[in-house]
Amino acid sequence: MLRAKVIGNVWASRRLEQIPAGAFLEVEIDGGAKLIAFDVLGSGVGETVLVATGSVAASWFPGPVAPPIDALIIGSIDPVPSATDTVKTRKK
């Protein structure tokens, strides 16, 4: 799994029938590398996500033939509150 930040949308008005409903998103992996990941969760620009790659990504889809997807967004990483956020919450 990779940790990445969604940095943009990729529009594909035409695509293979085998690819299910979802969106293509450009993500930047920790370290600066960029790739296109398929998203079925509804992730948005600026969100930090978990990306599965390779045959694991394609095998998630049901059916006899896996679609040609090698990067799949599988989760959204929640922001970790800072120490000052925790103090502010406790004072309320």
N, C-alpha and C. Protein backbone atom coordinates (compact mmCIF):
# COMPACT_ATOMS: atom_id res chain seq x y z
N MET A 1 0.83 -1.18 0.00
CA MET A 1 0.00 0.00 0.00
C MET A 1 0.87 1.24 0.00
N LEU A 2 0.35 2.26 -0.63
CA LEU A 2 1.06 3.53 -0.70
C LEU A 2 0.20 4.63 -0.09
N ARG A 3 0.84 5.59 0.54
CA ARG A 3 0.16 6.78 1.03
C ARG A 3 0.34 7.85 -0.03
N ALA A 4 -0.76 8.52 -0.40
CA ALA A 4 -0.69 9.51 -1.47
C ALA A 4 -1.68 10.64 -1.21
N LYS A 5 -1.47 11.74 -1.91
CA LYS A 5 -2.37 12.88 -1.83
C LYS A 5 -2.97 13.09 -3.22
N VAL A 6 -4.29 13.26 -3.27
CA VAL A 6 -4.97 13.49 -4.54
C VAL A 6 -4.65 14.91 -4.99
N ILE A 7 -4.10 15.03 -6.21
CA ILE A 7 -3.69 16.36 -6.70
C ILE A 7 -4.49 16.80 -7.92
N GLY A 8 -5.31 15.92 -8.48
CA GLY A 8 -6.08 16.35 -9.64
C GLY A 8 -6.97 15.26 -10.20
N ASN A 9 -7.88 15.67 -11.07
CA ASN A 9 -8.76 14.75 -11.78
C ASN A 9 -8.19 14.47 -13.15
N VAL A 10 -8.46 13.28 -13.66
CA VAL A 10 -8.08 12.91 -15.02
C VAL A 10 -9.37 12.56 -15.74
N TRP A 11 -9.69 13.28 -16.78
CA TRP A 11 -10.95 13.07 -17.49
C TRP A 11 -10.73 12.09 -18.64
N ALA A 12 -11.52 11.04 -18.67
CA ALA A 12 -11.46 10.04 -19.73
C ALA A 12 -12.88 9.85 -20.27
N SER A 13 -13.22 10.59 -21.31
CA SER A 13 -14.58 10.52 -21.84
C SER A 13 -14.85 9.20 -22.55
N ARG A 14 -13.80 8.53 -22.96
CA ARG A 14 -13.93 7.20 -23.57
C ARG A 14 -13.02 6.25 -22.81
N ARG A 15 -13.56 5.08 -22.48
CA ARG A 15 -12.74 4.08 -21.80
C ARG A 15 -13.31 2.69 -22.05
N LEU A 16 -12.55 1.67 -21.72
CA LEU A 16 -12.95 0.29 -21.94
C LEU A 16 -14.21 -0.05 -21.16
N GLU A 17 -15.04 -0.89 -21.74
CA GLU A 17 -16.28 -1.33 -21.09
C GLU A 17 -15.99 -2.08 -19.78
N GLN A 18 -14.87 -2.75 -19.69
CA GLN A 18 -14.53 -3.55 -18.51
C GLN A 18 -14.26 -2.70 -17.27
N ILE A 19 -14.00 -1.42 -17.47
CA ILE A 19 -13.71 -0.55 -16.32
C ILE A 19 -15.03 -0.07 -15.74
N PRO A 20 -15.28 -0.38 -14.46
CA PRO A 20 -16.55 -0.03 -13.83
C PRO A 20 -16.68 1.48 -13.59
N ALA A 21 -17.82 1.87 -13.04
CA ALA A 21 -18.04 3.28 -12.71
C ALA A 21 -17.03 3.72 -11.66
N GLY A 22 -16.49 4.89 -11.83
CA GLY A 22 -15.50 5.43 -10.92
C GLY A 22 -14.75 6.55 -11.61
N ALA A 23 -13.76 7.09 -10.93
CA ALA A 23 -13.01 8.22 -11.47
C ALA A 23 -11.53 7.91 -11.49
N PHE A 24 -10.84 8.52 -12.44
CA PHE A 24 -9.39 8.47 -12.48
C PHE A 24 -8.86 9.73 -11.81
N LEU A 25 -7.97 9.56 -10.84
CA LEU A 25 -7.41 10.69 -10.11
C LEU A 25 -5.89 10.64 -10.18
N GLU A 26 -5.29 11.82 -10.30
CA GLU A 26 -3.84 11.90 -10.23
C GLU A 26 -3.47 12.04 -8.76
N VAL A 27 -2.54 11.20 -8.31
CA VAL A 27 -2.10 11.25 -6.92
C VAL A 27 -0.59 11.41 -6.87
N GLU A 28 -0.13 12.03 -5.81
CA GLU A 28 1.30 12.18 -5.57
C GLU A 28 1.66 11.35 -4.35
N ILE A 29 2.55 10.40 -4.56
CA ILE A 29 2.97 9.50 -3.49
C ILE A 29 4.01 10.21 -2.64
N ASP A 30 4.07 9.83 -1.36
CA ASP A 30 5.13 10.36 -0.50
C ASP A 30 6.46 10.14 -1.21
N GLY A 31 7.24 11.17 -1.37
CA GLY A 31 8.50 11.09 -2.10
C GLY A 31 8.43 11.83 -3.42
N GLY A 32 7.21 12.20 -3.87
CA GLY A 32 7.08 13.05 -5.05
C GLY A 32 6.65 12.38 -6.33
N ALA A 33 6.69 11.05 -6.41
CA ALA A 33 6.26 10.38 -7.64
C ALA A 33 4.75 10.55 -7.83
N LYS A 34 4.33 10.62 -9.10
CA LYS A 34 2.91 10.80 -9.41
C LYS A 34 2.40 9.60 -10.20
N LEU A 35 1.14 9.25 -10.00
CA LEU A 35 0.52 8.20 -10.78
C LEU A 35 -0.98 8.44 -10.87
N ILE A 36 -1.61 7.69 -11.77
CA ILE A 36 -3.06 7.77 -11.93
C ILE A 36 -3.65 6.58 -11.19
N ALA A 37 -4.61 6.83 -10.30
CA ALA A 37 -5.26 5.77 -9.54
C ALA A 37 -6.76 5.81 -9.82
N PHE A 38 -7.38 4.65 -9.82
CA PHE A 38 -8.81 4.55 -10.01
C PHE A 38 -9.48 4.68 -8.65
N ASP A 39 -10.59 5.42 -8.61
CA ASP A 39 -11.26 5.73 -7.34
C ASP A 39 -12.74 5.37 -7.43
N VAL A 40 -13.21 4.57 -6.49
CA VAL A 40 -14.64 4.26 -6.40
C VAL A 40 -15.24 4.83 -5.11
N LEU A 41 -14.43 5.52 -4.32
CA LEU A 41 -14.87 6.04 -3.03
C LEU A 41 -15.38 7.47 -3.08
N GLY A 42 -15.08 8.19 -4.14
CA GLY A 42 -15.48 9.59 -4.23
C GLY A 42 -14.46 10.53 -3.59
N SER A 43 -13.20 10.17 -3.63
CA SER A 43 -12.14 11.00 -3.05
C SER A 43 -12.02 12.32 -3.81
N GLY A 44 -11.51 13.34 -3.11
CA GLY A 44 -11.39 14.65 -3.72
C GLY A 44 -9.97 15.20 -3.66
N VAL A 45 -9.74 16.24 -4.43
CA VAL A 45 -8.44 16.90 -4.47
C VAL A 45 -8.08 17.38 -3.07
N GLY A 46 -6.85 17.12 -2.67
CA GLY A 46 -6.36 17.53 -1.36
C GLY A 46 -6.47 16.43 -0.31
N GLU A 47 -7.22 15.39 -0.61
CA GLU A 47 -7.42 14.30 0.34
C GLU A 47 -6.21 13.36 0.35
N THR A 48 -5.86 12.86 1.53
CA THR A 48 -4.81 11.87 1.66
C THR A 48 -5.45 10.49 1.63
N VAL A 49 -4.91 9.61 0.78
CA VAL A 49 -5.54 8.32 0.53
C VAL A 49 -4.54 7.17 0.60
N LEU A 50 -5.07 5.95 0.70
CA LEU A 50 -4.28 4.73 0.59
C LEU A 50 -4.50 4.15 -0.79
N VAL A 51 -3.42 3.75 -1.44
CA VAL A 51 -3.50 3.22 -2.80
C VAL A 51 -2.90 1.82 -2.82
N ALA A 52 -3.67 0.85 -3.34
CA ALA A 52 -3.16 -0.50 -3.59
C ALA A 52 -2.73 -0.54 -5.05
N THR A 53 -1.64 -1.25 -5.32
CA THR A 53 -1.13 -1.30 -6.69
C THR A 53 -0.96 -2.74 -7.16
N GLY A 54 -0.79 -2.88 -8.47
CA GLY A 54 -0.51 -4.18 -9.07
C GLY A 54 -1.75 -5.06 -9.17
N SER A 55 -1.52 -6.37 -9.17
CA SER A 55 -2.62 -7.31 -9.35
C SER A 55 -3.64 -7.25 -8.23
N VAL A 56 -3.22 -6.82 -7.05
CA VAL A 56 -4.15 -6.67 -5.93
C VAL A 56 -5.23 -5.65 -6.27
N ALA A 57 -4.86 -4.56 -6.91
CA ALA A 57 -5.82 -3.52 -7.28
C ALA A 57 -6.85 -4.07 -8.26
N ALA A 58 -6.42 -4.76 -9.28
CA ALA A 58 -7.34 -5.28 -10.30
C ALA A 58 -8.20 -6.41 -9.76
N SER A 59 -7.67 -7.23 -8.86
CA SER A 59 -8.41 -8.38 -8.37
C SER A 59 -9.56 -8.00 -7.44
N TRP A 60 -9.62 -6.76 -7.00
CA TRP A 60 -10.72 -6.31 -6.14
C TRP A 60 -12.05 -6.33 -6.88
N PHE A 61 -12.02 -6.15 -8.19
CA PHE A 61 -13.24 -6.08 -8.99
C PHE A 61 -13.77 -7.48 -9.28
N PRO A 62 -15.10 -7.68 -9.11
CA PRO A 62 -15.67 -9.00 -9.38
C PRO A 62 -15.71 -9.29 -10.88
N GLY A 63 -15.88 -10.55 -11.20
CA GLY A 63 -16.00 -10.93 -12.60
C GLY A 63 -14.89 -11.87 -13.01
N PRO A 64 -15.09 -12.53 -14.14
CA PRO A 64 -14.11 -13.51 -14.59
C PRO A 64 -12.81 -12.89 -15.10
N VAL A 65 -12.88 -11.66 -15.59
CA VAL A 65 -11.69 -11.00 -16.11
C VAL A 65 -11.48 -9.68 -15.36
N ALA A 66 -10.32 -9.52 -14.76
CA ALA A 66 -10.03 -8.28 -14.03
C ALA A 66 -9.83 -7.13 -15.00
N PRO A 67 -10.34 -5.94 -14.68
CA PRO A 67 -10.12 -4.79 -15.56
C PRO A 67 -8.65 -4.36 -15.51
N PRO A 68 -8.19 -3.65 -16.54
CA PRO A 68 -6.78 -3.23 -16.59
C PRO A 68 -6.50 -2.02 -15.69
N ILE A 69 -6.59 -2.26 -14.39
CA ILE A 69 -6.36 -1.21 -13.38
C ILE A 69 -5.22 -1.67 -12.49
N ASP A 70 -4.17 -0.85 -12.37
CA ASP A 70 -3.05 -1.27 -11.53
C ASP A 70 -2.79 -0.34 -10.35
N ALA A 71 -3.69 0.61 -10.11
CA ALA A 71 -3.62 1.45 -8.91
C ALA A 71 -5.05 1.79 -8.50
N LEU A 72 -5.43 1.44 -7.28
CA LEU A 72 -6.79 1.61 -6.79
C LEU A 72 -6.77 2.30 -5.43
N ILE A 73 -7.55 3.36 -5.31
CA ILE A 73 -7.69 4.03 -4.01
C ILE A 73 -8.59 3.16 -3.15
N ILE A 74 -8.07 2.71 -2.00
CA ILE A 74 -8.82 1.79 -1.16
C ILE A 74 -9.22 2.39 0.18
N GLY A 75 -8.79 3.59 0.48
CA GLY A 75 -9.14 4.21 1.75
C GLY A 75 -8.76 5.67 1.80
N SER A 76 -9.42 6.36 2.72
CA SER A 76 -9.14 7.77 2.96
C SER A 76 -8.50 7.89 4.33
N ILE A 77 -7.37 8.57 4.41
CA ILE A 77 -6.66 8.71 5.68
C ILE A 77 -7.19 9.95 6.41
N ASP A 78 -7.66 9.75 7.61
CA ASP A 78 -8.18 10.85 8.41
C ASP A 78 -7.02 11.71 8.91
N PRO A 79 -7.24 13.03 8.96
CA PRO A 79 -6.18 13.90 9.49
C PRO A 79 -5.97 13.63 10.98
N VAL A 80 -4.73 13.68 11.40
CA VAL A 80 -4.41 13.48 12.81
C VAL A 80 -4.43 14.84 13.49
N PRO A 81 -5.24 14.99 14.55
CA PRO A 81 -5.28 16.29 15.22
C PRO A 81 -3.94 16.62 15.88
N SER A 82 -3.57 17.88 15.82
CA SER A 82 -2.33 18.31 16.46
C SER A 82 -2.56 18.45 17.96
N ALA A 83 -1.50 18.61 18.72
CA ALA A 83 -1.61 18.77 20.17
C ALA A 83 -2.43 20.01 20.51
N THR A 84 -2.30 21.09 19.73
CA THR A 84 -3.07 22.30 20.02
C THR A 84 -4.55 22.10 19.73
N ASP A 85 -4.88 21.29 18.72
CA ASP A 85 -6.29 20.98 18.44
C ASP A 85 -6.91 20.22 19.61
N THR A 86 -6.16 19.30 20.19
CA THR A 86 -6.63 18.50 21.31
C THR A 86 -6.88 19.40 22.52
N VAL A 87 -5.98 20.33 22.80
CA VAL A 87 -6.14 21.25 23.92
C VAL A 87 -7.37 22.11 23.72
N LYS A 88 -7.58 22.65 22.52
CA LYS A 88 -8.75 23.48 22.23
C LYS A 88 -10.04 22.69 22.44
N THR A 89 -10.08 21.44 22.04
CA THR A 89 -11.26 20.62 22.17
C THR A 89 -11.58 20.36 23.64
N ARG A 90 -10.58 20.13 24.44
CA ARG A 90 -10.78 19.84 25.87
C ARG A 90 -11.31 21.06 26.62
N LYS A 91 -10.97 22.27 26.19
CA LYS A 91 -11.38 23.48 26.91
C LYS A 91 -12.86 23.79 26.73
N LYS A 92 -13.48 23.23 25.72
CA LYS A 92 -14.90 23.53 25.44
C LYS A 92 -15.83 22.90 26.44
